[in-house]
PDB file of all heavy atoms in Angstrom:
ATOM      1  N   GLY A   1      29.305  15.081  81.620  1.00  0.00           N
ATOM      2  CA  GLY A   1      29.705  16.396  81.107  1.00  0.00           C
ATOM      3  C   GLY A   1      30.185  16.275  79.705  1.00  0.00           C
ATOM      4  O   GLY A   1      29.915  15.361  78.984  1.00  0.00           O
ATOM      5  N   SER A   2      30.918  17.258  79.329  1.00  0.00           N
ATOM      6  CA  SER A   2      31.491  17.374  78.002  1.00  0.00           C
ATOM      7  C   SER A   2      32.957  17.688  78.196  1.00  0.00           C
ATOM      8  O   SER A   2      33.391  18.209  79.206  1.00  0.00           O
ATOM      9  CB  SER A   2      30.810  18.463  77.220  1.00  0.00           C
ATOM     10  OG  SER A   2      31.486  18.722  76.026  1.00  0.00           O
ATOM     11  N   ASP A   3      33.766  17.390  77.153  1.00  0.00           N
ATOM     12  CA  ASP A   3      35.149  17.690  77.246  1.00  0.00           C
ATOM     13  C   ASP A   3      35.420  19.164  76.835  1.00  0.00           C
ATOM     14  O   ASP A   3      36.539  19.606  76.903  1.00  0.00           O
ATOM     15  CB  ASP A   3      35.980  16.742  76.379  1.00  0.00           C
ATOM     16  CG  ASP A   3      35.592  16.826  74.903  1.00  0.00           C
ATOM     17  OD1 ASP A   3      34.439  17.130  74.615  1.00  0.00           O
ATOM     18  OD2 ASP A   3      36.456  16.585  74.077  1.00  0.00           O
ATOM     19  N   GLN A   4      34.376  19.921  76.506  1.00  0.00           N
ATOM     20  CA  GLN A   4      34.529  21.289  76.107  1.00  0.00           C
ATOM     21  C   GLN A   4      33.688  22.164  77.015  1.00  0.00           C
ATOM     22  O   GLN A   4      32.579  21.798  77.425  1.00  0.00           O
ATOM     23  CB  GLN A   4      34.159  21.490  74.627  1.00  0.00           C
ATOM     24  CG  GLN A   4      35.004  20.629  73.715  1.00  0.00           C
ATOM     25  CD  GLN A   4      34.964  21.177  72.332  1.00  0.00           C
ATOM     26  OE1 GLN A   4      34.380  22.202  72.040  1.00  0.00           O
ATOM     27  NE2 GLN A   4      35.682  20.485  71.469  1.00  0.00           N
ATOM     28  N   ILE A   5      34.161  23.381  77.284  1.00  0.00           N
ATOM     29  CA  ILE A   5      33.402  24.316  78.080  1.00  0.00           C
ATOM     30  C   ILE A   5      32.341  24.969  77.202  1.00  0.00           C
ATOM     31  O   ILE A   5      32.489  25.083  75.999  1.00  0.00           O
ATOM     32  CB  ILE A   5      34.310  25.386  78.746  1.00  0.00           C
ATOM     33  CG1 ILE A   5      35.043  26.212  77.691  1.00  0.00           C
ATOM     34  CG2 ILE A   5      35.241  24.746  79.723  1.00  0.00           C
ATOM     35  CD1 ILE A   5      35.794  27.385  78.267  1.00  0.00           C
ATOM     36  N   PRO A   6      31.209  25.394  77.797  1.00  0.00           N
ATOM     37  CA  PRO A   6      30.172  26.058  76.972  1.00  0.00           C
ATOM     38  C   PRO A   6      30.673  27.380  76.424  1.00  0.00           C
ATOM     39  O   PRO A   6      31.678  27.926  76.901  1.00  0.00           O
ATOM     40  CB  PRO A   6      29.027  26.282  77.974  1.00  0.00           C
ATOM     41  CG  PRO A   6      29.525  25.903  79.303  1.00  0.00           C
ATOM     42  CD  PRO A   6      30.851  25.239  79.147  1.00  0.00           C
ATOM     43  N   GLY A   7      29.966  27.898  75.469  1.00  0.00           N
ATOM     44  CA  GLY A   7      30.362  29.172  74.817  1.00  0.00           C
ATOM     45  C   GLY A   7      30.345  30.282  75.833  1.00  0.00           C
ATOM     46  O   GLY A   7      29.772  30.225  76.916  1.00  0.00           O
ATOM     47  N   PRO A   8      31.009  31.403  75.486  1.00  0.00           N
ATOM     48  CA  PRO A   8      31.111  32.556  76.418  1.00  0.00           C
ATOM     49  C   PRO A   8      29.770  33.226  76.612  1.00  0.00           C
ATOM     50  O   PRO A   8      28.924  33.260  75.730  1.00  0.00           O
ATOM     51  CB  PRO A   8      32.095  33.482  75.717  1.00  0.00           C
ATOM     52  CG  PRO A   8      32.018  33.132  74.268  1.00  0.00           C
ATOM     53  CD  PRO A   8      31.696  31.662  74.207  1.00  0.00           C
ATOM     54  N   LYS A   9      29.575  33.738  77.814  1.00  0.00           N
ATOM     55  CA  LYS A   9      28.321  34.391  78.179  1.00  0.00           C
ATOM     56  C   LYS A   9      28.372  35.869  77.704  1.00  0.00           C
ATOM     57  O   LYS A   9      27.317  36.430  77.388  1.00  0.00           O
ATOM     58  CB  LYS A   9      28.133  34.338  79.701  1.00  0.00           C
ATOM     59  CG  LYS A   9      26.866  34.899  80.204  1.00  0.00           C
ATOM     60  CD  LYS A   9      26.738  34.652  81.686  1.00  0.00           C
ATOM     61  CE  LYS A   9      25.446  35.181  82.258  1.00  0.00           C
ATOM     62  NZ  LYS A   9      25.348  34.947  83.710  1.00  0.00           N
ATOM     63  N   TYR A  10      29.539  36.492  77.688  1.00  0.00           N
ATOM     64  CA  TYR A  10      29.683  37.915  77.357  1.00  0.00           C
ATOM     65  C   TYR A  10      30.546  38.083  76.145  1.00  0.00           C
ATOM     66  O   TYR A  10      31.545  37.389  75.965  1.00  0.00           O
ATOM     67  CB  TYR A  10      30.287  38.661  78.533  1.00  0.00           C
ATOM     68  CG  TYR A  10      29.528  38.537  79.832  1.00  0.00           C
ATOM     69  CD1 TYR A  10      29.972  37.708  80.833  1.00  0.00           C
ATOM     70  CD2 TYR A  10      28.319  39.233  80.010  1.00  0.00           C
ATOM     71  CE1 TYR A  10      29.272  37.612  82.025  1.00  0.00           C
ATOM     72  CE2 TYR A  10      27.611  39.083  81.201  1.00  0.00           C
ATOM     73  CZ  TYR A  10      28.099  38.268  82.210  1.00  0.00           C
ATOM     74  OH  TYR A  10      27.402  38.138  83.373  1.00  0.00           O
ATOM     75  N   ASP A  11      30.188  39.080  75.308  1.00  0.00           N
ATOM     76  CA  ASP A  11      30.989  39.440  74.175  1.00  0.00           C
ATOM     77  C   ASP A  11      31.962  40.533  74.516  1.00  0.00           C
ATOM     78  O   ASP A  11      31.725  41.331  75.451  1.00  0.00           O
ATOM     79  CB  ASP A  11      30.074  39.934  73.005  1.00  0.00           C
ATOM     80  CG  ASP A  11      29.252  38.817  72.423  1.00  0.00           C
ATOM     81  OD1 ASP A  11      29.768  37.654  72.323  1.00  0.00           O
ATOM     82  OD2 ASP A  11      28.124  39.080  72.057  1.00  0.00           O
ATOM     83  N   VAL A  12      33.033  40.643  73.780  1.00  0.00           N
ATOM     84  CA  VAL A  12      33.988  41.777  73.936  1.00  0.00           C
ATOM     85  C   VAL A  12      33.233  43.076  73.651  1.00  0.00           C
ATOM     86  O   VAL A  12      32.457  43.138  72.676  1.00  0.00           O
ATOM     87  CB  VAL A  12      35.209  41.618  73.023  1.00  0.00           C
ATOM     88  CG1 VAL A  12      36.084  42.856  73.072  1.00  0.00           C
ATOM     89  CG2 VAL A  12      35.991  40.380  73.388  1.00  0.00           C
ATOM     90  N   GLY A  13      33.376  44.050  74.502  1.00  0.00           N
ATOM     91  CA  GLY A  13      32.672  45.310  74.407  1.00  0.00           C
ATOM     92  C   GLY A  13      31.403  45.413  75.202  1.00  0.00           C
ATOM     93  O   GLY A  13      30.850  46.475  75.370  1.00  0.00           O
ATOM     94  N   ALA A  14      30.939  44.294  75.728  1.00  0.00           N
ATOM     95  CA  ALA A  14      29.710  44.300  76.551  1.00  0.00           C
ATOM     96  C   ALA A  14      29.909  44.982  77.873  1.00  0.00           C
ATOM     97  O   ALA A  14      31.015  44.979  78.436  1.00  0.00           O
ATOM     98  CB  ALA A  14      29.261  42.855  76.770  1.00  0.00           C
ATOM     99  N   GLN A  15      28.844  45.629  78.349  1.00  0.00           N
ATOM    100  CA  GLN A  15      28.916  46.237  79.675  1.00  0.00           C
ATOM    101  C   GLN A  15      28.360  45.250  80.721  1.00  0.00           C
ATOM    102  O   GLN A  15      27.354  44.568  80.470  1.00  0.00           O
ATOM    103  CB  GLN A  15      28.075  47.516  79.699  1.00  0.00           C
ATOM    104  CG  GLN A  15      28.141  48.216  81.059  1.00  0.00           C
ATOM    105  CD  GLN A  15      27.384  49.553  81.045  1.00  0.00           C
ATOM    106  OE1 GLN A  15      27.030  50.080  80.022  1.00  0.00           O
ATOM    107  NE2 GLN A  15      27.153  50.083  82.232  1.00  0.00           N
ATOM    108  N   VAL A  16      29.033  45.164  81.818  1.00  0.00           N
ATOM    109  CA  VAL A  16      28.642  44.290  82.956  1.00  0.00           C
ATOM    110  C   VAL A  16      28.610  45.083  84.242  1.00  0.00           C
ATOM    111  O   VAL A  16      29.222  46.138  84.330  1.00  0.00           O
ATOM    112  CB  VAL A  16      29.589  43.090  83.072  1.00  0.00           C
ATOM    113  CG1 VAL A  16      29.518  42.175  81.862  1.00  0.00           C
ATOM    114  CG2 VAL A  16      31.020  43.526  83.324  1.00  0.00           C
ATOM    115  N   GLU A  17      27.897  44.618  85.225  1.00  0.00           N
ATOM    116  CA  GLU A  17      27.829  45.229  86.510  1.00  0.00           C
ATOM    117  C   GLU A  17      28.692  44.421  87.489  1.00  0.00           C
ATOM    118  O   GLU A  17      28.534  43.210  87.580  1.00  0.00           O
ATOM    119  CB  GLU A  17      26.395  45.302  87.047  1.00  0.00           C
ATOM    120  CG  GLU A  17      25.467  46.190  86.195  1.00  0.00           C
ATOM    121  CD  GLU A  17      25.812  47.633  86.264  1.00  0.00           C
ATOM    122  OE1 GLU A  17      26.186  48.117  87.352  1.00  0.00           O
ATOM    123  OE2 GLU A  17      25.748  48.299  85.206  1.00  0.00           O
ATOM    124  N   LEU A  18      29.594  45.070  88.175  1.00  0.00           N
ATOM    125  CA  LEU A  18      30.496  44.400  89.132  1.00  0.00           C
ATOM    126  C   LEU A  18      30.152  44.858  90.566  1.00  0.00           C
ATOM    127  O   LEU A  18      29.960  46.034  90.795  1.00  0.00           O
ATOM    128  CB  LEU A  18      31.937  44.774  88.835  1.00  0.00           C
ATOM    129  CG  LEU A  18      32.463  44.448  87.430  1.00  0.00           C
ATOM    130  CD1 LEU A  18      33.829  45.051  87.246  1.00  0.00           C
ATOM    131  CD2 LEU A  18      32.499  42.965  87.228  1.00  0.00           C
ATOM    132  N   LYS A  19      30.123  43.918  91.455  1.00  0.00           N
ATOM    133  CA  LYS A  19      29.928  44.230  92.887  1.00  0.00           C
ATOM    134  C   LYS A  19      31.278  44.133  93.532  1.00  0.00           C
ATOM    135  O   LYS A  19      31.867  43.067  93.647  1.00  0.00           O
ATOM    136  CB  LYS A  19      28.943  43.256  93.494  1.00  0.00           C
ATOM    137  CG  LYS A  19      27.546  43.428  92.932  1.00  0.00           C
ATOM    138  CD  LYS A  19      26.547  42.464  93.540  1.00  0.00           C
ATOM    139  CE  LYS A  19      25.199  42.811  92.983  1.00  0.00           C
ATOM    140  NZ  LYS A  19      24.506  41.697  92.416  1.00  0.00           N
ATOM    141  N   LEU A  20      31.792  45.304  93.959  1.00  0.00           N
ATOM    142  CA  LEU A  20      33.124  45.418  94.507  1.00  0.00           C
ATOM    143  C   LEU A  20      33.097  46.164  95.828  1.00  0.00           C
ATOM    144  O   LEU A  20      32.065  46.702  96.219  1.00  0.00           O
ATOM    145  CB  LEU A  20      34.054  46.148  93.512  1.00  0.00           C
ATOM    146  CG  LEU A  20      34.137  45.559  92.118  1.00  0.00           C
ATOM    147  CD1 LEU A  20      34.823  46.519  91.169  1.00  0.00           C
ATOM    148  CD2 LEU A  20      34.876  44.245  92.133  1.00  0.00           C
ATOM    149  N   THR A  21      34.236  46.247  96.470  1.00  0.00           N
ATOM    150  CA  THR A  21      34.367  46.978  97.738  1.00  0.00           C
ATOM    151  C   THR A  21      35.374  48.116  97.498  1.00  0.00           C
ATOM    152  O   THR A  21      36.450  47.904  96.985  1.00  0.00           O
ATOM    153  CB  THR A  21      34.886  46.093  98.870  1.00  0.00           C
ATOM    154  OG1 THR A  21      34.012  44.962  98.982  1.00  0.00           O
ATOM    155  CG2 THR A  21      34.927  46.826 100.176  1.00  0.00           C
ATOM    156  N   ASN A  22      34.974  49.346  97.858  1.00  0.00           N
ATOM    157  CA  ASN A  22      35.864  50.490  97.627  1.00  0.00           C
ATOM    158  C   ASN A  22      36.862  50.615  98.774  1.00  0.00           C
ATOM    159  O   ASN A  22      36.887  49.783  99.687  1.00  0.00           O
ATOM    160  CB  ASN A  22      35.084  51.787  97.416  1.00  0.00           C
ATOM    161  CG  ASN A  22      34.271  52.206  98.654  1.00  0.00           C
ATOM    162  OD1 ASN A  22      34.466  51.715  99.732  1.00  0.00           O
ATOM    163  ND2 ASN A  22      33.351  53.139  98.449  1.00  0.00           N
ATOM    164  N   LYS A  23      37.688  51.660  98.731  1.00  0.00           N
ATOM    165  CA  LYS A  23      38.735  51.809  99.747  1.00  0.00           C
ATOM    166  C   LYS A  23      38.200  51.966 101.180  1.00  0.00           C
ATOM    167  O   LYS A  23      38.891  51.613 102.135  1.00  0.00           O
ATOM    168  CB  LYS A  23      39.600  53.068  99.403  1.00  0.00           C
ATOM    169  CG  LYS A  23      40.500  52.846  98.224  1.00  0.00           C
ATOM    170  CD  LYS A  23      41.335  54.092  97.928  1.00  0.00           C
ATOM    171  CE  LYS A  23      42.172  53.897  96.670  1.00  0.00           C
ATOM    172  NZ  LYS A  23      42.944  55.119  96.347  1.00  0.00           N
ATOM    173  N   GLU A  24      37.003  52.498 101.294  1.00  0.00           N
ATOM    174  CA  GLU A  24      36.399  52.673 102.608  1.00  0.00           C
ATOM    175  C   GLU A  24      35.727  51.406 103.107  1.00  0.00           C
ATOM    176  O   GLU A  24      35.197  51.374 104.221  1.00  0.00           O
ATOM    177  CB  GLU A  24      35.355  53.806 102.576  1.00  0.00           C
ATOM    178  CG  GLU A  24      35.954  55.196 102.402  1.00  0.00           C
ATOM    179  CD  GLU A  24      36.257  55.511 100.946  1.00  0.00           C
ATOM    180  OE1 GLU A  24      35.571  55.025 100.039  1.00  0.00           O
ATOM    181  OE2 GLU A  24      37.225  56.224 100.710  1.00  0.00           O
ATOM    182  N   GLY A  25      35.730  50.342 102.309  1.00  0.00           N
ATOM    183  CA  GLY A  25      35.145  49.096 102.729  1.00  0.00           C
ATOM    184  C   GLY A  25      33.642  48.988 102.459  1.00  0.00           C
ATOM    185  O   GLY A  25      32.982  48.093 102.942  1.00  0.00           O
ATOM    186  N   ILE A  26      33.142  49.915 101.588  1.00  0.00           N
ATOM    187  CA  ILE A  26      31.710  49.923 101.301  1.00  0.00           C
ATOM    188  C   ILE A  26      31.496  49.135 100.016  1.00  0.00           C
ATOM    189  O   ILE A  26      32.200  49.335  99.016  1.00  0.00           O
ATOM    190  CB  ILE A  26      31.213  51.381 101.149  1.00  0.00           C
ATOM    191  CG1 ILE A  26      31.449  52.135 102.449  1.00  0.00           C
ATOM    192  CG2 ILE A  26      29.767  51.435 100.709  1.00  0.00           C
ATOM    193  CD1 ILE A  26      31.213  53.654 102.364  1.00  0.00           C
ATOM    194  N   ALA A  27      30.498  48.267 100.036  1.00  0.00           N
ATOM    195  CA  ALA A  27      30.165  47.490  98.823  1.00  0.00           C
ATOM    196  C   ALA A  27      29.476  48.407  97.834  1.00  0.00           C
ATOM    197  O   ALA A  27      28.541  49.143  98.171  1.00  0.00           O
ATOM    198  CB  ALA A  27      29.273  46.346  99.191  1.00  0.00           C
ATOM    199  N   VAL A  28      29.961  48.414  96.608  1.00  0.00           N
ATOM    200  CA  VAL A  28      29.390  49.269  95.546  1.00  0.00           C
ATOM    201  C   VAL A  28      29.224  48.415  94.272  1.00  0.00           C
ATOM    202  O   VAL A  28      29.917  47.420  94.079  1.00  0.00           O
ATOM    203  CB  VAL A  28      30.303  50.481  95.237  1.00  0.00           C
ATOM    204  CG1 VAL A  28      30.353  51.444  96.410  1.00  0.00           C
ATOM    205  CG2 VAL A  28      31.695  50.059  94.847  1.00  0.00           C
ATOM    206  N   THR A  29      28.301  48.871  93.430  1.00  0.00           N
ATOM    207  CA  THR A  29      28.137  48.260  92.116  1.00  0.00           C
ATOM    208  C   THR A  29      28.615  49.253  91.092  1.00  0.00           C
ATOM    209  O   THR A  29      28.185  50.420  91.080  1.00  0.00           O
ATOM    210  CB  THR A  29      26.629  47.911  91.869  1.00  0.00           C
ATOM    211  OG1 THR A  29      26.213  47.035  92.886  1.00  0.00           O
ATOM    212  CG2 THR A  29      26.458  47.267  90.521  1.00  0.00           C
ATOM    213  N   VAL A  30      29.564  48.826  90.238  1.00  0.00           N
ATOM    214  CA  VAL A  30      30.139  49.715  89.238  1.00  0.00           C
ATOM    215  C   VAL A  30      30.009  49.058  87.837  1.00  0.00           C
ATOM    216  O   VAL A  30      30.077  47.829  87.717  1.00  0.00           O
ATOM    217  CB  VAL A  30      31.608  50.034  89.524  1.00  0.00           C
ATOM    218  CG1 VAL A  30      31.760  50.794  90.806  1.00  0.00           C
ATOM    219  CG2 VAL A  30      32.456  48.785  89.529  1.00  0.00           C
ATOM    220  N   PRO A  31      29.799  49.863  86.821  1.00  0.00           N
ATOM    221  CA  PRO A  31      29.802  49.349  85.464  1.00  0.00           C
ATOM    222  C   PRO A  31      31.212  49.007  85.005  1.00  0.00           C
ATOM    223  O   PRO A  31      32.174  49.701  85.323  1.00  0.00           O
ATOM    224  CB  PRO A  31      29.160  50.431  84.621  1.00  0.00           C
ATOM    225  CG  PRO A  31      29.491  51.704  85.387  1.00  0.00           C
ATOM    226  CD  PRO A  31      29.544  51.322  86.828  1.00  0.00           C
ATOM    227  N   GLY A  32      31.332  47.939  84.274  1.00  0.00           N
ATOM    228  CA  GLY A  32      32.625  47.540  83.681  1.00  0.00           C
ATOM    229  C   GLY A  32      32.395  47.155  82.231  1.00  0.00           C
ATOM    230  O   GLY A  32      31.286  46.875  81.798  1.00  0.00           O
ATOM    231  N   PHE A  33      33.475  47.113  81.459  1.00  0.00           N
ATOM    232  CA  PHE A  33      33.381  46.769  80.043  1.00  0.00           C
ATOM    233  C   PHE A  33      34.365  45.635  79.757  1.00  0.00           C
ATOM    234  O   PHE A  33      35.528  45.678  80.190  1.00  0.00           O
ATOM    235  CB  PHE A  33      33.695  47.966  79.184  1.00  0.00           C
ATOM    236  CG  PHE A  33      32.687  49.070  79.327  1.00  0.00           C
ATOM    237  CD1 PHE A  33      32.845  50.045  80.267  1.00  0.00           C
ATOM    238  CD2 PHE A  33      31.537  49.071  78.559  1.00  0.00           C
ATOM    239  CE1 PHE A  33      31.886  51.072  80.439  1.00  0.00           C
ATOM    240  CE2 PHE A  33      30.593  50.056  78.686  1.00  0.00           C
ATOM    241  CZ  PHE A  33      30.760  51.047  79.661  1.00  0.00           C
ATOM    242  N   ILE A  34      33.901  44.641  79.005  1.00  0.00           N
ATOM    243  CA  ILE A  34      34.736  43.478  78.634  1.00  0.00           C
ATOM    244  C   ILE A  34      35.701  43.937  77.551  1.00  0.00           C
ATOM    245  O   ILE A  34      35.286  44.356  76.487  1.00  0.00           O
ATOM    246  CB  ILE A  34      33.860  42.314  78.118  1.00  0.00           C
ATOM    247  CG1 ILE A  34      32.764  41.949  79.095  1.00  0.00           C
ATOM    248  CG2 ILE A  34      34.743  41.142  77.719  1.00  0.00           C
ATOM    249  CD1 ILE A  34      33.227  41.308  80.380  1.00  0.00           C
ATOM    250  N   ASP A  35      37.012  43.853  77.849  1.00  0.00           N
ATOM    251  CA  ASP A  35      38.013  44.225  76.885  1.00  0.00           C
ATOM    252  C   ASP A  35      38.610  42.998  76.137  1.00  0.00           C
ATOM    253  O   ASP A  35      39.053  43.074  74.991  1.00  0.00           O
ATOM    254  CB  ASP A  35      39.228  44.922  77.587  1.00  0.00           C
ATOM    255  CG  ASP A  35      38.921  46.395  77.816  1.00  0.00           C
ATOM    256  OD1 ASP A  35      37.936  46.923  77.249  1.00  0.00           O
ATOM    257  OD2 ASP A  35      39.661  47.012  78.603  1.00  0.00           O
ATOM    258  N   GLU A  36      38.577  41.855  76.801  1.00  0.00           N
ATOM    259  CA  GLU A  36      39.132  40.628  76.238  1.00  0.00           C
ATOM    260  C   GLU A  36      38.524  39.428  76.945  1.00  0.00           C
ATOM    261  O   GLU A  36      38.063  39.529  78.072  1.00  0.00           O
ATOM    262  CB  GLU A  36      40.660  40.670  76.448  1.00  0.00           C
ATOM    263  CG  GLU A  36      41.455  39.647  75.705  1.00  0.00           C
ATOM    264  CD  GLU A  36      42.963  39.842  75.935  1.00  0.00           C
ATOM    265  OE1 GLU A  36      43.445  40.950  76.208  1.00  0.00           O
ATOM    266  OE2 GLU A  36      43.602  38.797  75.910  1.00  0.00           O
ATOM    267  N   ARG A  37      38.574  38.280  76.278  1.00  0.00           N
ATOM    268  CA  ARG A  37      38.118  37.034  76.957  1.00  0.00           C
ATOM    269  C   ARG A  37      38.998  35.895  76.496  1.00  0.00           C
ATOM    270  O   ARG A  37      39.612  35.926  75.438  1.00  0.00           O
ATOM    271  CB  ARG A  37      36.653  36.754  76.639  1.00  0.00           C
ATOM    272  CG  ARG A  37      36.392  36.381  75.194  1.00  0.00           C
ATOM    273  CD  ARG A  37      34.947  36.135  74.963  1.00  0.00           C
ATOM    274  NE  ARG A  37      34.764  35.822  73.547  1.00  0.00           N
ATOM    275  CZ  ARG A  37      33.652  35.982  72.858  1.00  0.00           C
ATOM    276  NH1 ARG A  37      32.604  36.508  73.494  1.00  0.00           N
ATOM    277  NH2 ARG A  37      33.589  35.677  71.612  1.00  0.00           N
ATOM    278  N   LYS A  38      39.069  34.862  77.353  1.00  0.00           N
ATOM    279  CA  LYS A  38      39.858  33.665  77.043  1.00  0.00           C
ATOM    280  C   LYS A  38      39.211  32.480  77.750  1.00  0.00           C
ATOM    281  O   LYS A  38      38.589  32.614  78.818  1.00  0.00           O
ATOM    282  CB  LYS A  38      41.322  33.817  77.418  1.00  0.00           C
ATOM    283  CG  LYS A  38      41.566  33.946  78.896  1.00  0.00           C
ATOM    284  CD  LYS A  38      43.015  34.126  79.212  1.00  0.00           C
ATOM    285  CE  LYS A  38      43.265  34.325  80.722  1.00  0.00           C
ATOM    286  NZ  LYS A  38      44.632  34.525  81.038  1.00  0.00           N
ATOM    287  N   ALA A  39      39.413  31.309  77.200  1.00  0.00           N
ATOM    288  CA  ALA A  39      38.946  30.079  77.817  1.00  0.00           C
ATOM    289  C   ALA A  39      40.005  29.622  78.796  1.00  0.00           C
ATOM    290  O   ALA A  39      41.158  29.420  78.410  1.00  0.00           O
ATOM    291  CB  ALA A  39      38.688  29.011  76.752  1.00  0.00           C
ATOM    292  N   GLY A  40      39.629  29.519  80.054  1.00  0.00           N
ATOM    293  CA  GLY A  40      40.522  29.032  81.077  1.00  0.00           C
ATOM    294  C   GLY A  40      40.256  27.588  81.402  1.00  0.00           C
ATOM    295  O   GLY A  40      39.384  26.945  80.810  1.00  0.00           O
ATOM    296  N   ALA A  41      40.973  27.066  82.366  1.00  0.00           N
ATOM    297  CA  ALA A  41      40.835  25.648  82.740  1.00  0.00           C
ATOM    298  C   ALA A  41      39.464  25.345  83.336  1.00  0.00           C
ATOM    299  O   ALA A  41      38.917  24.238  83.173  1.00  0.00           O
ATOM    300  CB  ALA A  41      41.903  25.287  83.741  1.00  0.00           C
ATOM    301  N   THR A  42      38.828  26.327  83.974  1.00  0.00           N
ATOM    302  CA  THR A  42      37.541  26.079  84.611  1.00  0.00           C
ATOM    303  C   THR A  42      36.400  26.814  83.919  1.00  0.00           C
ATOM    304  O   THR A  42      35.283  26.820  84.432  1.00  0.00           O
ATOM    305  CB  THR A  42      37.563  26.512  86.088  1.00  0.00           C
ATOM    306  OG1 THR A  42      37.916  27.909  86.139  1.00  0.00           O
ATOM    307  CG2 THR A  42      38.578  25.695  86.856  1.00  0.00           C
ATOM    308  N   GLY A  43      36.647  27.473  82.820  1.00  0.00           N
ATOM    309  CA  GLY A  43      35.587  28.225  82.115  1.00  0.00           C
ATOM    310  C   GLY A  43      36.156  29.504  81.510  1.00  0.00           C
ATOM    311  O   GLY A  43      37.372  29.701  81.474  1.00  0.00           O
ATOM    312  N   TRP A  44      35.280  30.373  81.084  1.00  0.00           N
ATOM    313  CA  TRP A  44      35.659  31.594  80.455  1.00  0.00           C
ATOM    314  C   TRP A  44      36.177  32.618  81.490  1.00  0.00           C
ATOM    315  O   TRP A  44      35.630  32.718  82.592  1.00  0.00           O
ATOM    316  CB  TRP A  44      34.520  32.200  79.680  1.00  0.00           C
ATOM    317  CG  TRP A  44      34.246  31.433  78.446  1.00  0.00           C
ATOM    318  CD1 TRP A  44      33.337  30.429  78.296  1.00  0.00           C
ATOM    319  CD2 TRP A  44      34.925  31.521  77.192  1.00  0.00           C
ATOM    320  NE1 TRP A  44      33.395  29.913  77.045  1.00  0.00           N
ATOM    321  CE2 TRP A  44      34.381  30.568  76.326  1.00  0.00           C
ATOM    322  CE3 TRP A  44      35.927  32.316  76.728  1.00  0.00           C
ATOM    323  CZ2 TRP A  44      34.818  30.383  75.026  1.00  0.00           C
ATOM    324  CZ3 TRP A  44      36.397  32.161  75.408  1.00  0.00           C
ATOM    325  CH2 TRP A  44      35.820  31.199  74.570  1.00  0.00           C
TER     326      TRP A  44
END
């Protein structure tokens, strides 16, 4: 490996699709927007 994590996959402001579960327990796909990013211990 490397001692550094690879570059980020998404830029701030990018739109992404999230697969979540709503209050009724139904799986839905919703659009989301990247507001901020940071390098964590296991990746971005």
